[in-house]
Amino acid sequence: MNQGWVYSDRITPAAAGLTVLDFYTDRYRHSSRSDWQSRIEAGQIYLDERLVAAGDRLSPGQILAYHRPPWVEPAVPLTFDILHADEDIWVINKPAGLPVLPGGNFLT
């Protein structure tokens, strides 16, 4: 299990006046409106370091932060073939599914 993550957004003038719930629903469509509502109610979302309500309105320059709780990352391949290795370079046959950067469900 990883340590969770905080996703932060600085509110732009274009987002001013939106509610917290509308902002997340419009910007992060991978989750449903009810998912975002549940996260707000669970105390996972802060505006300028204070808990928010779904209907709170946003102002430019504010910082909105979603505190995603820790999660178990998917299993990944733990072995790979070394095609060539010398003192200058290694050539690796990276298997599909092995993340090389944090992203998606992979943080650590």
PDB file of N, CA and C in Angstrom:
ATOM      1  N   MET A   1       0.845  -1.174   0.000  1.00  0.00           N
ATOM      2  CA  MET A   1       0.000   0.000   0.000  1.00  0.00           C
ATOM      3  C   MET A   1       0.888   1.235   0.000  1.00  0.00           C
ATOM      4  N   ASN A   2       0.516   2.218  -0.827  1.00  0.00           N
ATOM      5  CA  ASN A   2       1.304   3.446  -0.857  1.00  0.00           C
ATOM      6  C   ASN A   2       0.838   4.409   0.239  1.00  0.00           C
ATOM      7  N   GLN A   3       1.330   5.642   0.212  1.00  0.00           N
ATOM      8  CA  GLN A   3       1.032   6.623   1.256  1.00  0.00           C
ATOM      9  C   GLN A   3      -0.118   7.566   0.903  1.00  0.00           C
ATOM     10  N   GLY A   4      -0.782   7.331  -0.225  1.00  0.00           N
ATOM     11  CA  GLY A   4      -1.802   8.280  -0.674  1.00  0.00           C
ATOM     12  C   GLY A   4      -1.142   9.450  -1.380  1.00  0.00           C
ATOM     13  N   TRP A   5      -1.938  10.387  -1.845  1.00  0.00           N
ATOM     14  CA  TRP A   5      -1.393  11.506  -2.605  1.00  0.00           C
ATOM     15  C   TRP A   5      -2.323  12.695  -2.497  1.00  0.00           C
ATOM     16  N   VAL A   6      -1.759  13.890  -2.582  1.00  0.00           N
ATOM     17  CA  VAL A   6      -2.557  15.111  -2.602  1.00  0.00           C
ATOM     18  C   VAL A   6      -2.463  15.714  -4.000  1.00  0.00           C
ATOM     19  N   TYR A   7      -3.615  15.860  -4.636  1.00  0.00           N
ATOM     20  CA  TYR A   7      -3.717  16.474  -5.959  1.00  0.00           C
ATOM     21  C   TYR A   7      -4.209  17.904  -5.759  1.00  0.00           C
ATOM     22  N   SER A   8      -3.421  18.889  -6.194  1.00  0.00           N
ATOM     23  CA  SER A   8      -3.755  20.294  -5.959  1.00  0.00           C
ATOM     24  C   SER A   8      -4.044  21.033  -7.252  1.00  0.00           C
ATOM     25  N   ASP A   9      -4.970  21.968  -7.178  1.00  0.00           N
ATOM     26  CA  ASP A   9      -5.308  22.851  -8.296  1.00  0.00           C
ATOM     27  C   ASP A   9      -5.371  24.279  -7.786  1.00  0.00           C
ATOM     28  N   ARG A  10      -4.722  25.202  -8.511  1.00  0.00           N
ATOM     29  CA  ARG A  10      -4.884  26.627  -8.229  1.00  0.00           C
ATOM     30  C   ARG A  10      -6.056  27.103  -9.083  1.00  0.00           C
ATOM     31  N   ILE A  11      -7.005  27.755  -8.462  1.00  0.00           N
ATOM     32  CA  ILE A  11      -8.212  28.194  -9.159  1.00  0.00           C
ATOM     33  C   ILE A  11      -7.883  29.381 -10.063  1.00  0.00           C
ATOM     34  N   THR A  12      -8.250  29.247 -11.325  1.00  0.00           N
ATOM     35  CA  THR A  12      -8.025  30.296 -12.328  1.00  0.00           C
ATOM     36  C   THR A  12      -9.246  31.213 -12.397  1.00  0.00           C
ATOM     37  N   PRO A  13      -9.097  32.384 -13.010  1.00  0.00           N
ATOM     38  CA  PRO A  13     -10.266  33.252 -13.191  1.00  0.00           C
ATOM     39  C   PRO A  13     -11.405  32.557 -13.943  1.00  0.00           C
ATOM     40  N   ALA A  14     -11.075  31.658 -14.858  1.00  0.00           N
ATOM     41  CA  ALA A  14     -12.116  30.952 -15.619  1.00  0.00           C
ATOM     42  C   ALA A  14     -12.965  30.050 -14.723  1.00  0.00           C
ATOM     43  N   ALA A  15     -12.401  29.556 -13.631  1.00  0.00           N
ATOM     44  CA  ALA A  15     -13.135  28.663 -12.727  1.00  0.00           C
ATOM     45  C   ALA A  15     -13.808  29.417 -11.580  1.00  0.00           C
ATOM     46  N   ALA A  16     -13.564  30.715 -11.486  1.00  0.00           N
ATOM     47  CA  ALA A  16     -14.155  31.507 -10.403  1.00  0.00           C
ATOM     48  C   ALA A  16     -15.674  31.429 -10.467  1.00  0.00           C
ATOM     49  N   GLY A  17     -16.273  31.267  -9.307  1.00  0.00           N
ATOM     50  CA  GLY A  17     -17.727  31.205  -9.225  1.00  0.00           C
ATOM     51  C   GLY A  17     -18.290  29.800  -9.274  1.00  0.00           C
ATOM     52  N   LEU A  18     -17.509  28.843  -9.764  1.00  0.00           N
ATOM     53  CA  LEU A  18     -17.973  27.451  -9.754  1.00  0.00           C
ATOM     54  C   LEU A  18     -18.041  26.950  -8.314  1.00  0.00           C
ATOM     55  N   THR A  19     -18.892  25.972  -8.077  1.00  0.00           N
ATOM     56  CA  THR A  19     -18.863  25.310  -6.777  1.00  0.00           C
ATOM     57  C   THR A  19     -17.737  24.282  -6.793  1.00  0.00           C
ATOM     58  N   VAL A  20     -17.333  23.863  -5.617  1.00  0.00           N
ATOM     59  CA  VAL A  20     -16.299  22.832  -5.514  1.00  0.00           C
ATOM     60  C   VAL A  20     -16.737  21.583  -6.272  1.00  0.00           C
ATOM     61  N   LEU A  21     -17.980  21.169  -6.079  1.00  0.00           N
ATOM     62  CA  LEU A  21     -18.482  19.968  -6.743  1.00  0.00           C
ATOM     63  C   LEU A  21     -18.498  20.133  -8.261  1.00  0.00           C
ATOM     64  N   ASP A  22     -18.937  21.285  -8.751  1.00  0.00           N
ATOM     65  CA  ASP A  22     -18.946  21.514 -10.201  1.00  0.00           C
ATOM     66  C   ASP A  22     -17.530  21.514 -10.774  1.00  0.00           C
ATOM     67  N   PHE A  23     -16.583  22.104 -10.043  1.00  0.00           N
ATOM     68  CA  PHE A  23     -15.198  22.137 -10.512  1.00  0.00           C
ATOM     69  C   PHE A  23     -14.667  20.723 -10.716  1.00  0.00           C
ATOM     70  N   TYR A  24     -14.794  19.880  -9.692  1.00  0.00           N
ATOM     71  CA  TYR A  24     -14.263  18.521  -9.807  1.00  0.00           C
ATOM     72  C   TYR A  24     -15.015  17.701 -10.844  1.00  0.00           C
ATOM     73  N   THR A  25     -16.322  17.847 -10.893  1.00  0.00           N
ATOM     74  CA  THR A  25     -17.118  17.084 -11.861  1.00  0.00           C
ATOM     75  C   THR A  25     -16.750  17.459 -13.289  1.00  0.00           C
ATOM     76  N   ASP A  26     -16.542  18.748 -13.542  1.00  0.00           N
ATOM     77  CA  ASP A  26     -16.197  19.213 -14.894  1.00  0.00           C
ATOM     78  C   ASP A  26     -14.753  18.892 -15.266  1.00  0.00           C
ATOM     79  N   ARG A  27     -13.841  19.037 -14.321  1.00  0.00           N
ATOM     80  CA  ARG A  27     -12.415  18.906 -14.637  1.00  0.00           C
ATOM     81  C   ARG A  27     -11.923  17.462 -14.631  1.00  0.00           C
ATOM     82  N   TYR A  28     -12.433  16.657 -13.738  1.00  0.00           N
ATOM     83  CA  TYR A  28     -11.935  15.285 -13.584  1.00  0.00           C
ATOM     84  C   TYR A  28     -13.066  14.299 -13.854  1.00  0.00           C
ATOM     85  N   ARG A  29     -13.292  14.034 -15.111  1.00  0.00           N
ATOM     86  CA  ARG A  29     -14.434  13.233 -15.547  1.00  0.00           C
ATOM     87  C   ARG A  29     -14.237  11.734 -15.361  1.00  0.00           C
ATOM     88  N   HIS A  30     -13.067  11.329 -14.901  1.00  0.00           N
ATOM     89  CA  HIS A  30     -12.847   9.906 -14.623  1.00  0.00           C
ATOM     90  C   HIS A  30     -13.689   9.435 -13.446  1.00  0.00           C
ATOM     91  N   SER A  31     -14.177  10.369 -12.648  1.00  0.00           N
ATOM     92  CA  SER A  31     -15.030  10.039 -11.504  1.00  0.00           C
ATOM     93  C   SER A  31     -16.384  10.717 -11.680  1.00  0.00           C
ATOM     94  N   SER A  32     -17.412  10.078 -11.170  1.00  0.00           N
ATOM     95  CA  SER A  32     -18.772  10.614 -11.309  1.00  0.00           C
ATOM     96  C   SER A  32     -19.016  11.751 -10.309  1.00  0.00           C
ATOM     97  N   ARG A  33     -20.077  12.473 -10.555  1.00  0.00           N
ATOM     98  CA  ARG A  33     -20.479  13.549  -9.649  1.00  0.00           C
ATOM     99  C   ARG A  33     -20.714  12.994  -8.240  1.00  0.00           C
ATOM    100  N   SER A  34     -21.355  11.844  -8.156  1.00  0.00           N
ATOM    101  CA  SER A  34     -21.614  11.261  -6.829  1.00  0.00           C
ATOM    102  C   SER A  34     -20.314  10.805  -6.151  1.00  0.00           C
ATOM    103  N   ASP A  35     -19.322  10.358  -6.939  1.00  0.00           N
ATOM    104  CA  ASP A  35     -18.008  10.020  -6.363  1.00  0.00           C
ATOM    105  C   ASP A  35     -17.383  11.253  -5.722  1.00  0.00           C
ATOM    106  N   TRP A  36     -17.410  12.386  -6.451  1.00  0.00           N
ATOM    107  CA  TRP A  36     -16.826  13.619  -5.912  1.00  0.00           C
ATOM    108  C   TRP A  36     -17.610  14.095  -4.691  1.00  0.00           C
ATOM    109  N   GLN A  37     -18.925  13.980  -4.733  1.00  0.00           N
ATOM    110  CA  GLN A  37     -19.754  14.356  -3.579  1.00  0.00           C
ATOM    111  C   GLN A  37     -19.348  13.527  -2.355  1.00  0.00           C
ATOM    112  N   SER A  38     -19.157  12.239  -2.547  1.00  0.00           N
ATOM    113  CA  SER A  38     -18.754  11.355  -1.445  1.00  0.00           C
ATOM    114  C   SER A  38     -17.387  11.739  -0.891  1.00  0.00           C
ATOM    115  N   ARG A  39     -16.457  12.097  -1.755  1.00  0.00           N
ATOM    116  CA  ARG A  39     -15.115  12.498  -1.304  1.00  0.00           C
ATOM    117  C   ARG A  39     -15.172  13.788  -0.498  1.00  0.00           C
ATOM    118  N   ILE A  40     -16.014  14.719  -0.944  1.00  0.00           N
ATOM    119  CA  ILE A  40     -16.180  15.970  -0.198  1.00  0.00           C
ATOM    120  C   ILE A  40     -16.757  15.666   1.184  1.00  0.00           C
ATOM    121  N   GLU A  41     -17.810  14.854   1.225  1.00  0.00           N
ATOM    122  CA  GLU A  41     -18.459  14.506   2.494  1.00  0.00           C
ATOM    123  C   GLU A  41     -17.535  13.713   3.414  1.00  0.00           C
ATOM    124  N   ALA A  42     -16.598  12.960   2.844  1.00  0.00           N
ATOM    125  CA  ALA A  42     -15.645  12.175   3.638  1.00  0.00           C
ATOM    126  C   ALA A  42     -14.486  13.018   4.174  1.00  0.00           C
ATOM    127  N   GLY A  43     -14.451  14.308   3.832  1.00  0.00           N
ATOM    128  CA  GLY A  43     -13.390  15.184   4.324  1.00  0.00           C
ATOM    129  C   GLY A  43     -12.077  15.030   3.589  1.00  0.00           C
ATOM    130  N   GLN A  44     -12.135  14.617   2.322  1.00  0.00           N
ATOM    131  CA  GLN A  44     -10.912  14.423   1.539  1.00  0.00           C
ATOM    132  C   GLN A  44     -10.545  15.643   0.702  1.00  0.00           C
ATOM    133  N   ILE A  45     -11.372  16.686   0.712  1.00  0.00           N
ATOM    134  CA  ILE A  45     -11.116  17.850  -0.137  1.00  0.00           C
ATOM    135  C   ILE A  45     -11.052  19.110   0.722  1.00  0.00           C
ATOM    136  N   TYR A  46      -9.993  19.886   0.468  1.00  0.00           N
ATOM    137  CA  TYR A  46      -9.734  21.110   1.221  1.00  0.00           C
ATOM    138  C   TYR A  46      -9.619  22.285   0.260  1.00  0.00           C
ATOM    139  N   LEU A  47     -10.022  23.449   0.734  1.00  0.00           N
ATOM    140  CA  LEU A  47      -9.857  24.701   0.002  1.00  0.00           C
ATOM    141  C   LEU A  47      -9.048  25.621   0.893  1.00  0.00           C
ATOM    142  N   ASP A  48      -7.872  25.992   0.424  1.00  0.00           N
ATOM    143  CA  ASP A  48      -6.951  26.800   1.231  1.00  0.00           C
ATOM    144  C   ASP A  48      -6.769  26.194   2.627  1.00  0.00           C
ATOM    145  N   GLU A  49      -6.544  24.881   2.659  1.00  0.00           N
ATOM    146  CA  GLU A  49      -6.221  24.120   3.864  1.00  0.00           C
ATOM    147  C   GLU A  49      -7.365  24.018   4.872  1.00  0.00           C
ATOM    148  N   ARG A  50      -8.602  24.217   4.419  1.00  0.00           N
ATOM    149  CA  ARG A  50      -9.752  23.994   5.305  1.00  0.00           C
ATOM    150  C   ARG A  50     -10.763  23.129   4.577  1.00  0.00           C
ATOM    151  N   LEU A  51     -11.495  22.331   5.342  1.00  0.00           N
ATOM    152  CA  LEU A  51     -12.510  21.468   4.742  1.00  0.00           C
ATOM    153  C   LEU A  51     -13.561  22.301   4.022  1.00  0.00           C
ATOM    154  N   VAL A  52     -14.117  21.729   2.969  1.00  0.00           N
ATOM    155  CA  VAL A  52     -15.107  22.456   2.171  1.00  0.00           C
ATOM    156  C   VAL A  52     -16.435  21.713   2.149  1.00  0.00           C
ATOM    157  N   ALA A  53     -17.447  22.423   1.693  1.00  0.00           N
ATOM    158  CA  ALA A  53     -18.748  21.834   1.378  1.00  0.00           C
ATOM    159  C   ALA A  53     -18.881  21.832  -0.138  1.00  0.00           C
ATOM    160  N   ALA A  54     -19.701  20.940  -0.653  1.00  0.00           N
ATOM    161  CA  ALA A  54     -19.859  20.798  -2.102  1.00  0.00           C
ATOM    162  C   ALA A  54     -20.294  22.098  -2.764  1.00  0.00           C
ATOM    163  N   GLY A  55     -21.077  22.910  -2.067  1.00  0.00           N
ATOM    164  CA  GLY A  55     -21.613  24.137  -2.654  1.00  0.00           C
ATOM    165  C   GLY A  55     -20.756  25.369  -2.458  1.00  0.00           C
ATOM    166  N   ASP A  56     -19.607  25.245  -1.804  1.00  0.00           N
ATOM    167  CA  ASP A  56     -18.723  26.405  -1.633  1.00  0.00           C
ATOM    168  C   ASP A  56     -18.280  26.917  -2.995  1.00  0.00           C
ATOM    169  N   ARG A  57     -18.284  28.228  -3.171  1.00  0.00           N
ATOM    170  CA  ARG A  57     -17.894  28.856  -4.441  1.00  0.00           C
ATOM    171  C   ARG A  57     -16.397  29.168  -4.432  1.00  0.00           C
ATOM    172  N   LEU A  58     -15.806  29.061  -5.608  1.00  0.00           N
ATOM    173  CA  LEU A  58     -14.362  29.240  -5.761  1.00  0.00           C
ATOM    174  C   LEU A  58     -14.022  30.656  -6.203  1.00  0.00           C
ATOM    175  N   SER A  59     -12.843  31.119  -5.780  1.00  0.00           N
ATOM    176  CA  SER A  59     -12.309  32.420  -6.177  1.00  0.00           C
ATOM    177  C   SER A  59     -10.926  32.226  -6.778  1.00  0.00           C
ATOM    178  N   PRO A  60     -10.529  33.108  -7.698  1.00  0.00           N
ATOM    179  CA  PRO A  60      -9.202  32.974  -8.316  1.00  0.00           C
ATOM    180  C   PRO A  60      -8.088  32.977  -7.266  1.00  0.00           C
ATOM    181  N   GLY A  61      -7.099  32.124  -7.499  1.00  0.00           N
ATOM    182  CA  GLY A  61      -5.938  32.061  -6.624  1.00  0.00           C
ATOM    183  C   GLY A  61      -6.065  31.087  -5.468  1.00  0.00           C
ATOM    184  N   GLN A  62      -7.271  30.627  -5.182  1.00  0.00           N
ATOM    185  CA  GLN A  62      -7.425  29.657  -4.104  1.00  0.00           C
ATOM    186  C   GLN A  62      -6.788  28.328  -4.508  1.00  0.00           C
ATOM    187  N   ILE A  63      -6.425  27.532  -3.505  1.00  0.00           N
ATOM    188  CA  ILE A  63      -5.844  26.211  -3.743  1.00  0.00           C
ATOM    189  C   ILE A  63      -6.846  25.158  -3.275  1.00  0.00           C
ATOM    190  N   LEU A  64      -7.258  24.327  -4.214  1.00  0.00           N
ATOM    191  CA  LEU A  64      -8.174  23.227  -3.939  1.00  0.00           C
ATOM    192  C   LEU A  64      -7.340  21.953  -3.924  1.00  0.00           C
ATOM    193  N   ALA A  65      -7.491  21.127  -2.887  1.00  0.00           N
ATOM    194  CA  ALA A  65      -6.647  19.936  -2.744  1.00  0.00           C
ATOM    195  C   ALA A  65      -7.490  18.708  -2.420  1.00  0.00           C
ATOM    196  N   TYR A  66      -7.323  17.672  -3.235  1.00  0.00           N
ATOM    197  CA  TYR A  66      -7.965  16.372  -3.003  1.00  0.00           C
ATOM    198  C   TYR A  66      -6.936  15.458  -2.357  1.00  0.00           C
ATOM    199  N   HIS A  67      -7.211  15.014  -1.146  1.00  0.00           N
ATOM    200  CA  HIS A  67      -6.328  14.120  -0.401  1.00  0.00           C
ATOM    201  C   HIS A  67      -6.786  12.690  -0.656  1.00  0.00           C
ATOM    202  N   ARG A  68      -6.180  12.056  -1.651  1.00  0.00           N
ATOM    203  CA  ARG A  68      -6.547  10.678  -1.978  1.00  0.00           C
ATOM    204  C   ARG A  68      -5.948   9.746  -0.933  1.00  0.00           C
ATOM    205  N   PRO A  69      -6.777   8.913  -0.313  1.00  0.00           N
ATOM    206  CA  PRO A  69      -6.248   7.990   0.695  1.00  0.00           C
ATOM    207  C   PRO A  69      -5.319   6.949   0.071  1.00  0.00           C
ATOM    208  N   PRO A  70      -4.498   6.293   0.900  1.00  0.00           N
ATOM    209  CA  PRO A  70      -3.618   5.238   0.379  1.00  0.00           C
ATOM    210  C   PRO A  70      -4.411   4.147  -0.341  1.00  0.00           C
ATOM    211  N   TRP A  71      -3.773   3.542  -1.356  1.00  0.00           N
ATOM    212  CA  TRP A  71      -4.399   2.458  -2.107  1.00  0.00           C
ATOM    213  C   TRP A  71      -3.356   1.414  -2.460  1.00  0.00           C
ATOM    214  N   VAL A  72      -3.837   0.218  -2.724  1.00  0.00           N
ATOM    215  CA  VAL A  72      -2.964  -0.877  -3.144  1.00  0.00           C
ATOM    216  C   VAL A  72      -2.767  -0.756  -4.649  1.00  0.00           C
ATOM    217  N   GLU A  73      -1.516  -0.663  -5.057  1.00  0.00           N
ATOM    218  CA  GLU A  73      -1.209  -0.541  -6.482  1.00  0.00           C
ATOM    219  C   GLU A  73      -1.286  -1.905  -7.164  1.00  0.00           C
ATOM    220  N   PRO A  74      -1.659  -1.926  -8.445  1.00  0.00           N
ATOM    221  CA  PRO A  74      -1.740  -3.203  -9.164  1.00  0.00           C
ATOM    222  C   PRO A  74      -0.382  -3.910  -9.217  1.00  0.00           C
ATOM    223  N   ALA A  75      -0.432  -5.223  -9.308  1.00  0.00           N
ATOM    224  CA  ALA A  75       0.802  -6.010  -9.446  1.00  0.00           C
ATOM    225  C   ALA A  75       1.469  -5.689 -10.779  1.00  0.00           C
ATOM    226  N   VAL A  76       2.784  -5.715 -10.788  1.00  0.00           N
ATOM    227  CA  VAL A  76       3.549  -5.449 -12.013  1.00  0.00           C
ATOM    228  C   VAL A  76       4.571  -6.561 -12.219  1.00  0.00           C
ATOM    229  N   PRO A  77       5.036  -6.741 -13.453  1.00  0.00           N
ATOM    230  CA  PRO A  77       6.102  -7.724 -13.692  1.00  0.00           C
ATOM    231  C   PRO A  77       7.363  -7.318 -12.924  1.00  0.00           C
ATOM    232  N   LEU A  78       7.991  -8.273 -12.286  1.00  0.00           N
ATOM    233  CA  LEU A  78       9.181  -7.976 -11.488  1.00  0.00           C
ATOM    234  C   LEU A  78      10.472  -8.460 -12.132  1.00  0.00           C
ATOM    235  N   THR A  79      10.383  -9.105 -13.270  1.00  0.00           N
ATOM    236  CA  THR A  79      11.584  -9.564 -13.969  1.00  0.00           C
ATOM    237  C   THR A  79      11.589  -9.003 -15.383  1.00  0.00           C
ATOM    238  N   PHE A  80      12.780  -8.897 -15.927  1.00  0.00           N
ATOM    239  CA  PHE A  80      12.929  -8.419 -17.303  1.00  0.00           C
ATOM    240  C   PHE A  80      14.223  -8.980 -17.873  1.00  0.00           C
ATOM    241  N   ASP A  81      14.285  -9.010 -19.196  1.00  0.00           N
ATOM    242  CA  ASP A  81      15.472  -9.526 -19.880  1.00  0.00           C
ATOM    243  C   ASP A  81      16.465  -8.403 -20.130  1.00  0.00           C
ATOM    244  N   ILE A  82      17.727  -8.676 -19.858  1.00  0.00           N
ATOM    245  CA  ILE A  82      18.803  -7.751 -20.212  1.00  0.00           C
ATOM    246  C   ILE A  82      19.339  -8.215 -21.561  1.00  0.00           C
ATOM    247  N   LEU A  83      19.141  -7.387 -22.573  1.00  0.00           N
ATOM    248  CA  LEU A  83      19.557  -7.746 -23.927  1.00  0.00           C
ATOM    249  C   LEU A  83      21.032  -7.466 -24.174  1.00  0.00           C
ATOM    250  N   HIS A  84      21.548  -6.445 -23.488  1.00  0.00           N
ATOM    251  CA  HIS A  84      22.956  -6.080 -23.650  1.00  0.00           C
ATOM    252  C   HIS A  84      23.361  -5.269 -22.426  1.00  0.00           C
ATOM    253  N   ALA A  85      24.560  -5.506 -21.953  1.00  0.00           N
ATOM    254  CA  ALA A  85      25.087  -4.718 -20.845  1.00  0.00           C
ATOM    255  C   ALA A  85      26.591  -4.589 -21.008  1.00  0.00           C
ATOM    256  N   ASP A  86      27.067  -3.361 -20.917  1.00  0.00           N
ATOM    257  CA  ASP A  86      28.504  -3.125 -20.864  1.00  0.00           C
ATOM    258  C   ASP A  86      28.732  -1.949 -19.917  1.00  0.00           C
ATOM    259  N   GLU A  87      29.955  -1.441 -19.866  1.00  0.00           N
ATOM    260  CA  GLU A  87      30.257  -0.384 -18.901  1.00  0.00           C
ATOM    261  C   GLU A  87      29.576   0.940 -19.226  1.00  0.00           C
ATOM    262  N   ASP A  88      29.044   1.093 -20.446  1.00  0.00           N
ATOM    263  CA  ASP A  88      28.414   2.349 -20.840  1.00  0.00           C
ATOM    264  C   ASP A  88      26.886   2.314 -20.873  1.00  0.00           C
ATOM    265  N   ILE A  89      26.321   1.151 -21.165  1.00  0.00           N
ATOM    266  CA  ILE A  89      24.876   1.117 -21.396  1.00  0.00           C
ATOM    267  C   ILE A  89      24.294  -0.260 -21.098  1.00  0.00           C
ATOM    268  N   TRP A  90      23.067  -0.249 -20.654  1.00  0.00           N
ATOM    269  CA  TRP A  90      22.271  -1.469 -20.526  1.00  0.00           C
ATOM    270  C   TRP A  90      21.086  -1.342 -21.460  1.00  0.00           C
ATOM    271  N   VAL A  91      20.761  -2.420 -22.161  1.00  0.00           N
ATOM    272  CA  VAL A  91      19.571  -2.470 -23.005  1.00  0.00           C
ATOM    273  C   VAL A  91      18.634  -3.496 -22.372  1.00  0.00           C
ATOM    274  N   ILE A  92      17.465  -3.025 -21.984  1.00  0.00           N
ATOM    275  CA  ILE A  92      16.492  -3.843 -21.259  1.00  0.00           C
ATOM    276  C   ILE A  92      15.270  -4.081 -22.143  1.00  0.00           C
ATOM    277  N   ASN A  93      14.743  -5.290 -22.115  1.00  0.00           N
ATOM    278  CA  ASN A  93      13.472  -5.599 -22.771  1.00  0.00           C
ATOM    279  C   ASN A  93      12.375  -5.392 -21.726  1.00  0.00           C
ATOM    280  N   LYS A  94      11.836  -4.166 -21.683  1.00  0.00           N
ATOM    281  CA  LYS A  94      10.833  -3.814 -20.677  1.00  0.00           C
ATOM    282  C   LYS A  94       9.524  -4.533 -20.964  1.00  0.00           C
ATOM    283  N   PRO A  95       9.026  -5.308 -20.008  1.00  0.00           N
ATOM    284  CA  PRO A  95       7.757  -6.005 -20.242  1.00  0.00           C
ATOM    285  C   PRO A  95       6.569  -5.044 -20.180  1.00  0.00           C
ATOM    286  N   ALA A  96       5.517  -5.360 -20.913  1.00  0.00           N
ATOM    287  CA  ALA A  96       4.290  -4.568 -20.859  1.00  0.00           C
ATOM    288  C   ALA A  96       3.765  -4.574 -19.428  1.00  0.00           C
ATOM    289  N   GLY A  97       3.251  -3.445 -18.995  1.00  0.00           N
ATOM    290  CA  GLY A  97       2.685  -3.358 -17.652  1.00  0.00           C
ATOM    291  C   GLY A  97       3.659  -2.921 -16.582  1.00  0.00           C
ATOM    292  N   LEU A  98       4.928  -2.746 -16.930  1.00  0.00           N
ATOM    293  CA  LEU A  98       5.912  -2.287 -15.956  1.00  0.00           C
ATOM    294  C   LEU A  98       5.999  -0.763 -16.047  1.00  0.00           C
ATOM    295  N   PRO A  99       5.470  -0.037 -15.051  1.00  0.00           N
ATOM    296  CA  PRO A  99       5.507   1.426 -15.124  1.00  0.00           C
ATOM    297  C   PRO A  99       6.929   1.938 -14.929  1.00  0.00           C
ATOM    298  N   VAL A 100       7.249   3.014 -15.613  1.00  0.00           N
ATOM    299  CA  VAL A 100       8.566   3.632 -15.464  1.00  0.00           C
ATOM    300  C   VAL A 100       8.467   5.022 -14.837  1.00  0.00           C
ATOM    301  N   LEU A 101       7.252   5.553 -14.754  1.00  0.00           N
ATOM    302  CA  LEU A 101       6.994   6.849 -14.127  1.00  0.00           C
ATOM    303  C   LEU A 101       5.709   6.749 -13.313  1.00  0.00           C
ATOM    304  N   PRO A 102       5.558   7.561 -12.266  1.00  0.00           N
ATOM    305  CA  PRO A 102       4.289   7.570 -11.547  1.00  0.00           C
ATOM    306  C   PRO A 102       3.157   8.028 -12.471  1.00  0.00           C
ATOM    307  N   GLY A 103       2.021   7.400 -12.364  1.00  0.00           N
ATOM    308  CA  GLY A 103       0.856   7.793 -13.148  1.00  0.00           C
ATOM    309  C   GLY A 103      -0.246   6.768 -13.021  1.00  0.00           C
ATOM    310  N   GLY A 104      -1.470   7.200 -13.257  1.00  0.00           N
ATOM    311  CA  GLY A 104      -2.603   6.288 -13.149  1.00  0.00           C
ATOM    312  C   GLY A 104      -2.695   5.720 -11.750  1.00  0.00           C
ATOM    313  N   ASN A 105      -2.733   4.417 -11.628  1.00  0.00           N
ATOM    314  CA  ASN A 105      -2.802   3.762 -10.319  1.00  0.00           C
ATOM    315  C   ASN A 105      -1.433   3.481  -9.725  1.00  0.00           C
ATOM    316  N   PHE A 106      -0.359   3.984 -10.360  1.00  0.00           N
ATOM    317  CA  PHE A 106       0.998   3.713  -9.898  1.00  0.00           C
ATOM    318  C   PHE A 106       1.627   4.983  -9.345  1.00  0.00           C
ATOM    319  N   LEU A 107       1.929   4.954  -8.053  1.00  0.00           N
ATOM    320  CA  LEU A 107       2.540   6.106  -7.409  1.00  0.00           C
ATOM    321  C   LEU A 107       3.970   5.803  -6.997  1.00  0.00           C
ATOM    322  N   THR A 108       4.193   4.608  -6.428  1.00  0.00           N
ATOM    323  CA  THR A 108       5.535   4.286  -5.931  1.00  0.00           C
ATOM    324  C   THR A 108       6.192   3.211  -6.774  1.00  0.00           C
TER     325      THR A 108
END
